[in-house]
Amino acid sequence: MKKILVVDDEPTLVATLKYNLEREKYEVVTASDGEGAVTAARGLRPDLIILDLMLPRLDGLEVCRILRREMKVPILMLTARDAEVDKVVGFELGADDYVTKPFGMRELMARVRALLRRAETGAPLESDIVASGDIQVDLARRRALRGENILALKPKEFDLLVFFIRHKGRVFTREQLLNQIWGYEFAGDSRTVDVHVRWVRQKIEDEPASPVRLITVRGTGYRFEG
């Protein structure tokens, strides 16, 4: 049974994560602050750590820095922030993946399984790569390329691009995209999708005003063409 350490100071979220992880047959230990996380990790030697960025006593970045020096355990960071600098700093300190709150539970569980598989094999899996034309996305490293150029994608832009590539040719409404990418708990509206689609187009289209990859389906939503 794989052991997972969940570190967050929101009791409701911790309870939800613990319930869903235990349903997947993982052994779950929790901590509510940074110092407790370090102590628990040293004692438990978990197979995976789900670590919130904003914690009392020691923040998540400092916890990540400490534990990365002591063990190779995969670290999945959670945060309410959506700033690119936090993502970059987290990766530089050794985080393996990064999820912005609010998130969908299915997405989180998929990332947990992927990180555990990577830890077992010691190398990226073929399923960690998705591609369409000259766009290639490395899911494990959260990096997207167009040709030889790295795409500077924010977390939700990255998730949206991956979702579209995986579902090429299918039409999705804005509400479906909100549920899939932002999660059912998201309090925003469908304009959030439109804004992120526009940002993604600016990075993957030769002419964003006349897109040939990420197409608007009038009256419905969006479709990605390979």
Protein backbone atom coordinates (compact mmCIF):
# COMPACT_ATOMS: atom_id res chain seq x y z
CA MET A 1 0.00 0.00 0.00
CA LYS A 2 1.46 3.36 -1.07
CA LYS A 3 1.83 5.95 1.69
CA ILE A 4 0.81 9.54 1.00
CA LEU A 5 1.40 12.54 3.25
CA VAL A 6 -1.19 15.33 2.83
CA VAL A 7 -0.14 18.73 4.18
CA ASP A 8 -2.70 21.55 4.28
CA ASP A 9 -4.17 23.84 6.95
CA GLU A 10 -7.73 23.67 5.56
CA PRO A 11 -9.48 20.88 7.52
CA THR A 12 -12.27 20.43 4.97
CA LEU A 13 -9.85 20.03 2.08
CA VAL A 14 -7.65 17.63 4.08
CA ALA A 15 -10.69 15.51 4.95
CA THR A 16 -11.80 15.46 1.31
CA LEU A 17 -8.35 14.49 0.04
CA LYS A 18 -7.97 11.82 2.72
CA TYR A 19 -11.35 10.30 1.87
CA ASN A 20 -10.67 10.18 -1.88
CA LEU A 21 -7.12 8.86 -1.52
CA GLU A 22 -8.21 6.12 0.87
CA ARG A 23 -10.89 5.10 -1.63
CA GLU A 24 -8.01 4.51 -4.05
CA LYS A 25 -6.38 2.23 -1.43
CA TYR A 26 -3.62 4.60 -0.35
CA GLU A 27 -2.47 4.91 3.24
CA VAL A 28 -2.88 8.57 4.21
CA VAL A 29 -1.19 10.61 6.95
CA THR A 30 -1.92 14.33 7.38
CA ALA A 31 -0.20 17.41 8.77
CA SER A 32 -1.54 20.96 9.14
CA ASP A 33 1.65 23.05 9.26
CA GLY A 34 5.15 23.09 7.84
CA GLU A 35 7.00 21.85 10.89
CA GLY A 36 4.55 18.98 11.29
CA ALA A 37 5.03 18.12 7.62
CA VAL A 38 8.80 17.81 7.99
CA THR A 39 8.45 15.67 11.12
CA ALA A 40 5.81 13.43 9.54
CA ALA A 41 7.81 12.99 6.32
CA ARG A 42 10.94 12.00 8.23
CA GLY A 43 9.03 9.43 10.26
CA LEU A 44 6.71 8.06 7.59
CA ARG A 45 9.04 8.11 4.55
CA PRO A 46 5.99 8.51 2.26
CA ASP A 47 5.79 7.48 -1.38
CA LEU A 48 4.25 10.87 -2.26
CA ILE A 49 3.67 14.23 -0.57
CA ILE A 50 0.75 16.54 -1.41
CA LEU A 51 1.97 19.87 -0.07
CA ASP A 52 0.15 23.20 0.22
CA LEU A 53 2.22 26.28 -0.54
CA MET A 54 0.70 28.55 2.12
CA LEU A 55 1.27 26.94 5.52
CA PRO A 56 1.75 28.23 9.07
CA ARG A 57 5.14 27.98 10.82
CA LEU A 58 7.05 26.88 7.68
CA ASP A 59 5.63 27.60 4.22
CA GLY A 60 5.43 24.94 1.54
CA LEU A 61 8.47 26.20 -0.35
CA GLU A 62 10.67 25.89 2.72
CA VAL A 63 9.26 22.42 3.49
CA CYS A 64 10.01 21.41 -0.10
CA ARG A 65 13.55 22.77 0.20
CA ILE A 66 14.21 20.83 3.42
CA LEU A 67 12.73 17.53 2.30
CA ARG A 68 14.32 17.59 -1.14
CA ARG A 69 17.74 17.59 0.52
CA GLU A 70 16.81 14.50 2.54
CA MET A 71 14.68 12.30 0.28
CA LYS A 72 13.62 11.74 -3.34
CA VAL A 73 9.89 11.50 -2.62
CA PRO A 74 7.65 13.03 -5.35
CA ILE A 75 6.09 16.32 -4.22
CA LEU A 76 2.81 17.63 -5.62
CA MET A 77 2.30 21.25 -4.58
CA LEU A 78 -1.10 22.88 -4.00
CA THR A 79 -1.70 26.61 -3.94
CA ALA A 80 -4.44 29.20 -4.18
CA ARG A 81 -2.05 31.42 -6.10
CA ASP A 82 -1.90 31.49 -9.88
CA ALA A 83 1.40 33.35 -10.20
CA GLU A 84 3.96 31.97 -12.62
CA VAL A 85 6.80 32.90 -10.25
CA ASP A 86 5.45 30.58 -7.53
CA LYS A 87 5.29 27.71 -9.98
CA VAL A 88 8.83 28.35 -11.18
CA VAL A 89 10.24 28.65 -7.64
CA GLY A 90 8.44 25.46 -6.62
CA PHE A 91 9.97 23.53 -9.51
CA GLU A 92 13.41 24.98 -8.84
CA LEU A 93 13.18 23.73 -5.25
CA GLY A 94 12.32 20.24 -6.44
CA ALA A 95 8.53 20.02 -6.68
CA ASP A 96 7.41 17.46 -9.27
CA ASP A 97 3.98 18.85 -10.10
CA TYR A 98 1.83 21.86 -9.28
CA VAL A 99 -1.97 22.27 -8.98
CA THR A 100 -3.79 25.56 -8.45
CA LYS A 101 -6.87 25.65 -6.21
CA PRO A 102 -9.68 25.06 -6.85
CA PHE A 103 -8.96 21.85 -8.72
CA GLY A 104 -10.96 18.86 -9.89
CA MET A 105 -10.54 15.73 -7.79
CA ARG A 106 -10.27 13.49 -10.85
CA GLU A 107 -7.40 15.60 -12.17
CA LEU A 108 -5.61 15.45 -8.83
CA MET A 109 -5.97 11.66 -8.58
CA ALA A 110 -4.64 11.26 -12.11
CA ARG A 111 -1.58 13.31 -11.22
CA VAL A 112 -1.04 11.30 -8.04
CA ARG A 113 -1.09 8.06 -10.03
CA ALA A 114 1.26 9.50 -12.67
CA LEU A 115 3.78 10.67 -10.06
CA LEU A 116 3.75 7.31 -8.31
CA ARG A 117 4.31 5.51 -11.63
CA ARG A 118 7.21 7.81 -12.46
CA ALA A 119 8.76 7.15 -9.07
CA GLU A 120 8.58 3.39 -9.67
CA THR A 121 10.11 3.48 -13.15
CA GLY A 122 12.61 6.26 -12.53
CA ALA A 123 11.89 7.78 -15.94
CA PRO A 124 9.12 9.67 -17.75
CA LEU A 125 6.36 7.44 -19.10
CA GLU A 126 5.24 7.49 -22.71
CA SER A 127 1.83 8.56 -21.39
CA ASP A 128 3.51 11.65 -19.91
CA ILE A 129 3.90 13.08 -23.44
CA VAL A 130 1.03 14.41 -25.54
CA ALA A 131 1.52 16.01 -28.93
CA SER A 132 -0.29 17.57 -31.86
CA GLY A 133 1.60 18.69 -34.94
CA ASP A 134 4.60 20.72 -33.83
CA ILE A 135 3.23 21.09 -30.28
CA GLN A 136 4.63 18.65 -27.72
CA VAL A 137 3.72 18.67 -24.04
CA ASP A 138 5.72 16.94 -21.32
CA LEU A 139 3.19 16.34 -18.55
CA ALA A 140 5.75 15.19 -16.02
CA ARG A 141 7.82 18.36 -16.33
CA ARG A 142 4.83 20.62 -17.00
CA ARG A 143 6.58 21.93 -20.10
CA ALA A 144 5.14 22.65 -23.55
CA LEU A 145 7.09 23.19 -26.77
CA ARG A 146 6.13 24.49 -30.17
CA GLY A 147 8.88 23.26 -32.39
CA GLU A 148 12.04 24.14 -30.47
CA ASN A 149 10.44 27.00 -28.55
CA ILE A 150 9.19 26.67 -24.97
CA LEU A 151 5.65 28.00 -24.52
CA ALA A 152 5.32 30.27 -21.46
CA LEU A 153 2.00 28.89 -20.26
CA LYS A 154 0.34 29.72 -16.96
CA PRO A 155 -0.96 26.68 -15.01
CA LYS A 156 -4.54 26.80 -16.32
CA GLU A 157 -3.40 27.58 -19.86
CA PHE A 158 -1.21 24.47 -19.68
CA ASP A 159 -4.09 22.34 -18.40
CA LEU A 160 -6.44 23.69 -21.05
CA LEU A 161 -3.98 22.95 -23.87
CA VAL A 162 -3.40 19.40 -22.61
CA PHE A 163 -7.14 18.78 -22.38
CA PHE A 164 -7.74 20.01 -25.92
CA ILE A 165 -4.88 17.96 -27.37
CA ARG A 166 -6.18 14.83 -25.65
CA HIS A 167 -9.64 15.44 -27.09
CA LYS A 168 -8.82 16.61 -30.60
CA GLY A 169 -11.85 17.08 -32.84
CA ARG A 170 -14.41 17.14 -30.02
CA VAL A 171 -16.52 20.19 -29.25
CA PHE A 172 -16.76 21.33 -25.63
CA THR A 173 -19.04 23.94 -24.14
CA ARG A 174 -17.64 26.60 -21.84
CA GLU A 175 -19.41 24.97 -18.89
CA GLN A 176 -17.81 21.60 -19.67
CA LEU A 177 -14.39 23.22 -19.84
CA LEU A 178 -14.97 25.01 -16.54
CA ASN A 179 -15.83 21.69 -14.88
CA GLN A 180 -12.90 19.82 -16.42
CA ILE A 181 -10.16 22.41 -15.92
CA TRP A 182 -11.24 24.57 -12.98
CA GLY A 183 -13.34 22.02 -11.08
CA TYR A 184 -16.95 21.97 -9.98
CA GLU A 185 -16.21 24.24 -7.01
CA PHE A 186 -15.02 27.13 -9.22
CA ALA A 187 -17.06 30.28 -8.55
CA GLY A 188 -16.21 32.11 -11.79
CA ASP A 189 -18.20 32.28 -15.03
CA SER A 190 -17.72 31.17 -18.62
CA ARG A 191 -15.81 34.33 -19.55
CA THR A 192 -12.86 32.78 -17.71
CA VAL A 193 -12.73 30.13 -20.44
CA ASP A 194 -12.82 32.73 -23.22
CA VAL A 195 -9.95 34.66 -21.68
CA HIS A 196 -7.76 31.58 -21.29
CA VAL A 197 -8.56 30.38 -24.80
CA ARG A 198 -7.43 33.76 -26.12
CA TRP A 199 -4.18 33.51 -24.17
CA VAL A 200 -3.51 29.98 -25.43
CA ARG A 201 -4.17 31.07 -29.01
CA GLN A 202 -1.59 33.84 -28.67
CA LYS A 203 1.02 31.17 -27.97
CA ILE A 204 0.07 28.37 -30.39
CA GLU A 205 -1.42 30.16 -33.42
CA ASP A 206 0.46 31.96 -36.19
CA GLU A 207 -2.47 34.38 -36.42
CA PRO A 208 -4.44 34.34 -33.15
CA ALA A 209 -7.21 36.45 -34.68
CA SER A 210 -7.75 33.75 -37.36
CA PRO A 211 -7.07 30.50 -35.47
CA VAL A 212 -6.65 27.20 -37.28
CA ARG A 213 -5.92 25.02 -34.22
CA LEU A 214 -8.23 26.19 -31.43
CA ILE A 215 -11.51 26.85 -33.20
CA THR A 216 -14.62 28.66 -31.93
CA VAL A 217 -17.80 26.72 -32.62
CA ARG A 218 -20.43 29.44 -32.69
CA GLY A 219 -23.26 28.97 -30.24
CA THR A 220 -21.52 26.01 -28.58
CA GLY A 221 -17.91 26.39 -27.46
CA TYR A 222 -14.50 25.31 -28.71
CA ARG A 223 -12.83 22.52 -30.70
CA PHE A 224 -9.14 21.71 -31.11
CA GLU A 225 -7.91 20.62 -34.54
CA GLY A 226 -4.72 18.57 -34.83
